[in-house]
Amino acid sequence: MVEKPFQYTKALVDSGNASACIVTDLLVRVKDEENYDELEKVIKSVASTSVAGAAETTTSTLLNFVLAMVLFPHVQERAHAEIESIVGNDRLPNFNDRDALPYVEAVLRESHRWYPVLPLGIAHAAVDDDIYEELYIPKGATVVPNVWAMSRNEAKYPNASEFVPERFFKSDGKLNDDAISYVFGFGRRVCAGQHVANAAVWIAIVSLLAVFKFTKATDNQGKEITIEPQWTPGLAIRPRAFPCRIEPRLPGMTIAKLNQMISLLACYQV
């Protein structure tokens, strides 16, 4: 997980065929440094830690997003309309557009909340005796944060089983302060890469919305196939495989056009 991906990426950089990413960017930055060997070790560590800590959770969140777009097409339509009005159809959205796309931001938050990837978080042990709301917690006790219950709090999230990005807007139409931070952990043990992970999921979601339309698959008779969503059990959950149709959102979208848009997007970094 450390050496092979790194050497593969390094070879692409050396040949001039690498796509923009954190590893390629850092390798180019430090190539002439005297302590290159030490810096290379740091880059390996950063990259492998990111993969180990975020690959499964990021993938699962994006699968939740795709499933939600298929099941709640009105959400997708509103997101498409926002992107088209702000970004247009000649380029992919980038991070400079993020503040101008509040509905997409709400879709991101709801993708985290709807089915939290880690429904019981990560268990930790109390380092000292403590009392919380008259409940005694002895030193060494295992504490399991019930993220699932937090995401299903009907007082805060009415109709919690529904995918409703609008719940993150205030009456004045602006986003509220609920950033769903609890899905990234708590206190000193909060996910150190939460901001990078959140940005990575956002750019993936907004890019998918800009280019594709997600709908229900059809059978041989042209009838829509009903989806009965199921999630895998375990510490981390994800949607089980489901049928769907993914097609270009815009007429005339070719591979060449998409590659051109991606190359423009590569100019922007988190």
Protein backbone atom coordinates (compact mmCIF):
# COMPACT_ATOMS: atom_id res chain seq x y z
CA MET A 1 0.00 0.00 0.00
CA VAL A 2 2.99 2.31 0.45
CA GLU A 3 5.76 1.45 -1.97
CA LYS A 4 4.05 0.23 -5.15
CA PRO A 5 1.57 3.12 -5.59
CA PHE A 6 4.28 5.63 -4.76
CA GLN A 7 6.81 4.22 -7.23
CA TYR A 8 4.11 4.02 -9.91
CA THR A 9 3.20 7.68 -9.38
CA LYS A 10 6.85 8.72 -9.25
CA ALA A 11 7.46 7.02 -12.61
CA LEU A 12 4.55 8.95 -14.11
CA VAL A 13 6.02 12.20 -12.79
CA ASP A 14 9.42 11.36 -14.27
CA SER A 15 7.84 10.59 -17.65
CA GLY A 16 5.72 13.74 -17.62
CA ASN A 17 2.45 11.79 -17.76
CA ALA A 18 1.23 12.28 -14.19
CA SER A 19 -2.16 13.72 -13.34
CA ALA A 20 -2.34 16.45 -10.72
CA CYS A 21 -2.61 15.17 -7.15
CA ILE A 22 -0.99 15.80 -3.78
CA VAL A 23 1.82 13.28 -4.42
CA THR A 24 2.76 14.61 -7.85
CA ASP A 25 2.58 18.19 -6.61
CA LEU A 26 4.85 17.49 -3.64
CA LEU A 27 7.34 15.49 -5.70
CA VAL A 28 7.72 18.38 -8.13
CA ARG A 29 8.12 20.88 -5.29
CA VAL A 30 10.90 19.00 -3.50
CA LYS A 31 12.80 17.47 -6.43
CA ASP A 32 15.75 19.86 -6.05
CA GLU A 33 15.91 19.90 -2.26
CA GLU A 34 19.11 18.68 -0.59
CA ASN A 35 17.19 16.46 1.83
CA TYR A 36 15.08 14.92 -0.94
CA ASP A 37 15.34 11.38 0.42
CA GLU A 38 13.89 12.42 3.78
CA LEU A 39 11.17 14.47 2.13
CA GLU A 40 10.28 11.51 -0.07
CA LYS A 41 9.67 9.43 3.04
CA VAL A 42 7.37 12.13 4.37
CA ILE A 43 5.43 12.21 1.09
CA LYS A 44 5.03 8.42 1.22
CA SER A 45 3.74 8.66 4.76
CA VAL A 46 1.25 11.40 3.90
CA ALA A 47 -0.06 9.51 0.87
CA SER A 48 -0.36 6.10 2.54
CA THR A 49 -2.01 7.58 5.63
CA SER A 50 -4.55 9.33 3.42
CA VAL A 51 -5.36 6.11 1.59
CA ALA A 52 -5.60 4.03 4.75
CA GLY A 53 -7.72 6.57 6.56
CA ALA A 54 -10.01 7.80 3.83
CA ALA A 55 -10.28 5.32 0.95
CA GLU A 56 -13.13 3.28 2.39
CA THR A 57 -14.99 6.14 4.05
CA THR A 58 -14.77 8.41 1.01
CA THR A 59 -15.91 5.66 -1.35
CA SER A 60 -18.82 4.76 0.91
CA THR A 61 -19.96 8.38 1.17
CA LEU A 62 -19.89 8.75 -2.61
CA LEU A 63 -21.91 5.54 -3.01
CA ASN A 64 -24.45 6.98 -0.57
CA PHE A 65 -24.57 10.09 -2.73
CA VAL A 66 -25.16 8.18 -5.98
CA LEU A 67 -27.87 6.05 -4.38
CA ALA A 68 -29.57 9.17 -3.04
CA MET A 69 -29.50 10.83 -6.46
CA VAL A 70 -31.24 7.80 -7.96
CA LEU A 71 -33.86 7.60 -5.21
CA PHE A 72 -34.49 11.35 -4.86
CA PRO A 73 -34.32 12.77 -8.41
CA HIS A 74 -35.73 16.17 -7.40
CA VAL A 75 -32.58 16.75 -5.33
CA GLN A 76 -30.41 16.02 -8.34
CA GLU A 77 -32.48 18.36 -10.53
CA ARG A 78 -32.08 21.24 -8.10
CA ALA A 79 -28.32 20.63 -7.83
CA HIS A 80 -28.01 20.50 -11.63
CA ALA A 81 -29.85 23.81 -11.91
CA GLU A 82 -27.59 25.49 -9.36
CA ILE A 83 -24.41 24.29 -11.06
CA GLU A 84 -25.65 25.35 -14.48
CA SER A 85 -26.59 28.83 -13.25
CA ILE A 86 -23.27 29.45 -11.48
CA VAL A 87 -20.69 27.45 -13.44
CA GLY A 88 -22.28 26.91 -16.82
CA ASN A 89 -21.59 23.91 -19.03
CA ASP A 90 -18.16 24.66 -20.49
CA ARG A 91 -16.02 23.67 -17.51
CA LEU A 92 -16.09 21.60 -14.35
CA PRO A 93 -16.72 23.33 -11.03
CA ASN A 94 -13.67 24.05 -8.89
CA PHE A 95 -13.05 25.12 -5.31
CA ASN A 96 -13.42 28.78 -6.22
CA ASP A 97 -17.09 28.02 -6.88
CA ARG A 98 -17.78 26.32 -3.56
CA ASP A 99 -19.23 29.29 -1.68
CA ALA A 100 -21.52 30.06 -4.61
CA LEU A 101 -23.00 26.54 -4.62
CA PRO A 102 -24.80 26.28 -1.26
CA TYR A 103 -27.23 23.59 -2.39
CA VAL A 104 -24.37 21.32 -3.45
CA GLU A 105 -22.84 21.98 -0.02
CA ALA A 106 -26.12 20.87 1.55
CA VAL A 107 -26.09 17.72 -0.61
CA LEU A 108 -22.59 16.99 0.71
CA ARG A 109 -23.73 17.37 4.32
CA GLU A 110 -26.79 15.20 3.76
CA SER A 111 -24.63 12.53 2.09
CA HIS A 112 -22.64 12.34 5.33
CA ARG A 113 -25.73 12.36 7.57
CA TRP A 114 -28.15 10.12 5.67
CA TYR A 115 -26.24 6.89 6.34
CA PRO A 116 -23.09 7.65 8.34
CA VAL A 117 -20.20 5.50 7.13
CA LEU A 118 -19.14 4.83 10.75
CA PRO A 119 -22.51 4.53 12.54
CA LEU A 120 -20.85 3.85 15.89
CA GLY A 121 -17.80 6.00 15.27
CA ILE A 122 -14.49 4.77 16.65
CA ALA A 123 -14.41 3.52 20.23
CA HIS A 124 -11.97 5.16 22.65
CA ALA A 125 -11.07 4.70 26.31
CA ALA A 126 -11.50 7.29 29.05
CA VAL A 127 -8.08 8.45 30.30
CA ASP A 128 -9.50 9.56 33.67
CA ASP A 129 -12.59 9.16 35.80
CA ASP A 130 -15.29 11.53 34.61
CA ILE A 131 -18.90 12.47 35.19
CA TYR A 132 -21.13 13.45 32.30
CA GLU A 133 -24.72 14.52 33.01
CA GLU A 134 -24.63 12.63 36.34
CA LEU A 135 -23.29 9.51 34.64
CA TYR A 136 -20.04 8.19 36.12
CA ILE A 137 -17.46 7.10 33.54
CA PRO A 138 -14.51 5.28 35.14
CA LYS A 139 -10.97 5.55 33.84
CA GLY A 140 -10.34 2.95 31.15
CA ALA A 141 -14.01 2.60 30.22
CA THR A 142 -14.69 2.10 26.52
CA VAL A 143 -16.72 4.96 25.10
CA VAL A 144 -18.66 4.32 21.89
CA PRO A 145 -20.14 7.42 20.21
CA ASN A 146 -23.56 6.61 18.75
CA VAL A 147 -23.22 8.56 15.53
CA TRP A 148 -26.23 6.75 14.10
CA ALA A 149 -28.48 8.06 16.87
CA MET A 150 -27.14 11.58 16.33
CA SER A 151 -27.96 11.37 12.62
CA ARG A 152 -31.46 10.04 13.40
CA ASN A 153 -32.41 12.70 15.96
CA GLU A 154 -35.92 13.58 14.76
CA ALA A 155 -35.92 16.77 16.81
CA LYS A 156 -32.98 18.01 14.76
CA TYR A 157 -33.58 16.11 11.52
CA PRO A 158 -37.32 15.59 10.88
CA ASN A 159 -37.99 12.63 8.56
CA ALA A 160 -34.42 11.56 9.17
CA SER A 161 -34.62 8.54 6.86
CA GLU A 162 -35.31 10.85 3.91
CA PHE A 163 -32.55 12.56 1.91
CA VAL A 164 -33.39 16.24 2.43
CA PRO A 165 -30.55 18.74 1.78
CA GLU A 166 -32.98 21.58 2.50
CA ARG A 167 -32.74 20.78 6.22
CA PHE A 168 -29.38 22.60 6.28
CA PHE A 169 -30.82 25.95 5.28
CA LYS A 170 -32.08 28.66 7.61
CA SER A 171 -35.28 30.58 7.01
CA ASP A 172 -33.28 33.32 5.27
CA GLY A 173 -32.02 30.84 2.67
CA LYS A 174 -28.47 30.68 4.00
CA LEU A 175 -26.73 27.52 5.20
CA ASN A 176 -26.97 26.84 8.92
CA ASP A 177 -24.04 25.98 11.20
CA ASP A 178 -24.62 22.21 11.21
CA ALA A 179 -21.58 20.93 9.31
CA ILE A 180 -22.18 17.29 10.42
CA SER A 181 -18.79 17.38 12.13
CA TYR A 182 -19.74 14.45 14.38
CA VAL A 183 -19.17 11.98 11.55
CA PHE A 184 -15.44 12.80 11.80
CA GLY A 185 -15.07 12.02 15.50
CA PHE A 186 -14.72 14.07 18.63
CA GLY A 187 -12.27 16.02 20.77
CA ARG A 188 -8.57 15.36 20.50
CA ARG A 189 -9.21 12.17 18.55
CA VAL A 190 -11.17 13.86 15.79
CA CYS A 191 -10.12 12.88 12.27
CA ALA A 192 -6.98 14.88 11.47
CA GLY A 193 -7.80 14.85 7.78
CA GLN A 194 -11.45 15.85 8.00
CA HIS A 195 -11.07 19.06 6.00
CA VAL A 196 -9.12 17.38 3.22
CA ALA A 197 -11.58 14.47 3.16
CA ASN A 198 -14.55 16.82 3.07
CA ALA A 199 -13.01 18.79 0.22
CA ALA A 200 -12.25 15.60 -1.70
CA VAL A 201 -15.84 14.39 -1.38
CA TRP A 202 -17.18 17.83 -2.34
CA ILE A 203 -15.14 18.08 -5.53
CA ALA A 204 -16.14 14.53 -6.48
CA ILE A 205 -19.85 15.19 -5.86
CA VAL A 206 -19.94 18.52 -7.70
CA SER A 207 -17.98 17.09 -10.65
CA LEU A 208 -20.30 14.07 -10.92
CA LEU A 209 -23.33 16.34 -10.79
CA ALA A 210 -21.88 18.63 -13.43
CA VAL A 211 -21.31 15.82 -15.92
CA PHE A 212 -23.71 12.96 -15.21
CA LYS A 213 -27.35 12.18 -14.57
CA PHE A 214 -28.19 9.26 -12.27
CA THR A 215 -31.51 7.45 -12.76
CA LYS A 216 -33.10 4.08 -12.07
CA ALA A 217 -32.13 1.25 -14.37
CA THR A 218 -34.79 -0.34 -16.59
CA ASP A 219 -35.52 -3.98 -17.39
CA ASN A 220 -35.93 -5.56 -20.84
CA GLN A 221 -39.47 -4.19 -21.03
CA GLY A 222 -38.31 -0.67 -20.29
CA LYS A 223 -39.81 -0.63 -16.80
CA GLU A 224 -37.89 0.99 -13.97
CA ILE A 225 -36.26 -1.47 -11.60
CA THR A 226 -37.31 -0.83 -8.02
CA ILE A 227 -34.41 -0.34 -5.64
CA GLU A 228 -34.65 -1.65 -2.11
CA PRO A 229 -31.57 -0.11 -0.49
CA GLN A 230 -29.45 -2.27 1.77
CA TRP A 231 -26.19 -1.51 3.53
CA THR A 232 -23.34 -3.81 4.45
CA PRO A 233 -22.86 -4.55 8.16
CA GLY A 234 -19.67 -3.78 10.05
CA LEU A 235 -17.66 -0.98 11.59
CA ALA A 236 -17.92 0.90 8.29
CA ILE A 237 -21.04 0.52 6.16
CA ARG A 238 -21.73 1.14 2.50
CA PRO A 239 -24.67 0.55 0.16
CA ARG A 240 -24.86 -2.92 -1.32
CA ALA A 241 -24.67 -3.04 -5.11
CA PHE A 242 -27.76 -1.56 -6.73
CA PRO A 243 -28.83 -1.17 -10.37
CA CYS A 244 -28.80 2.32 -11.83
CA ARG A 245 -28.29 4.19 -15.07
CA ILE A 246 -25.50 6.74 -15.43
CA GLU A 247 -25.52 8.87 -18.54
CA PRO A 248 -24.06 12.21 -19.69
CA ARG A 249 -26.18 15.09 -18.43
CA LEU A 250 -25.53 17.25 -21.46
CA PRO A 251 -25.86 16.45 -25.17
CA GLY A 252 -22.57 16.29 -27.02
CA MET A 253 -20.54 15.28 -23.97
CA THR A 254 -17.68 13.22 -25.40
CA ILE A 255 -14.64 11.64 -23.77
CA ALA A 256 -12.47 14.30 -25.40
CA LYS A 257 -14.66 17.09 -24.02
CA LEU A 258 -14.63 15.53 -20.57
CA ASN A 259 -10.85 15.16 -20.62
CA GLN A 260 -10.54 18.81 -21.60
CA MET A 261 -12.71 19.84 -18.65
CA ILE A 262 -10.70 17.63 -16.30
CA SER A 263 -7.44 19.20 -17.48
CA LEU A 264 -8.84 22.63 -16.64
CA LEU A 265 -9.94 21.40 -13.22
CA ALA A 266 -6.39 20.18 -12.51
CA CYS A 267 -5.30 23.81 -12.32
CA TYR A 268 -7.19 24.17 -9.05
CA GLN A 269 -6.11 22.60 -5.77
CA VAL A 270 -7.68 22.11 -2.36
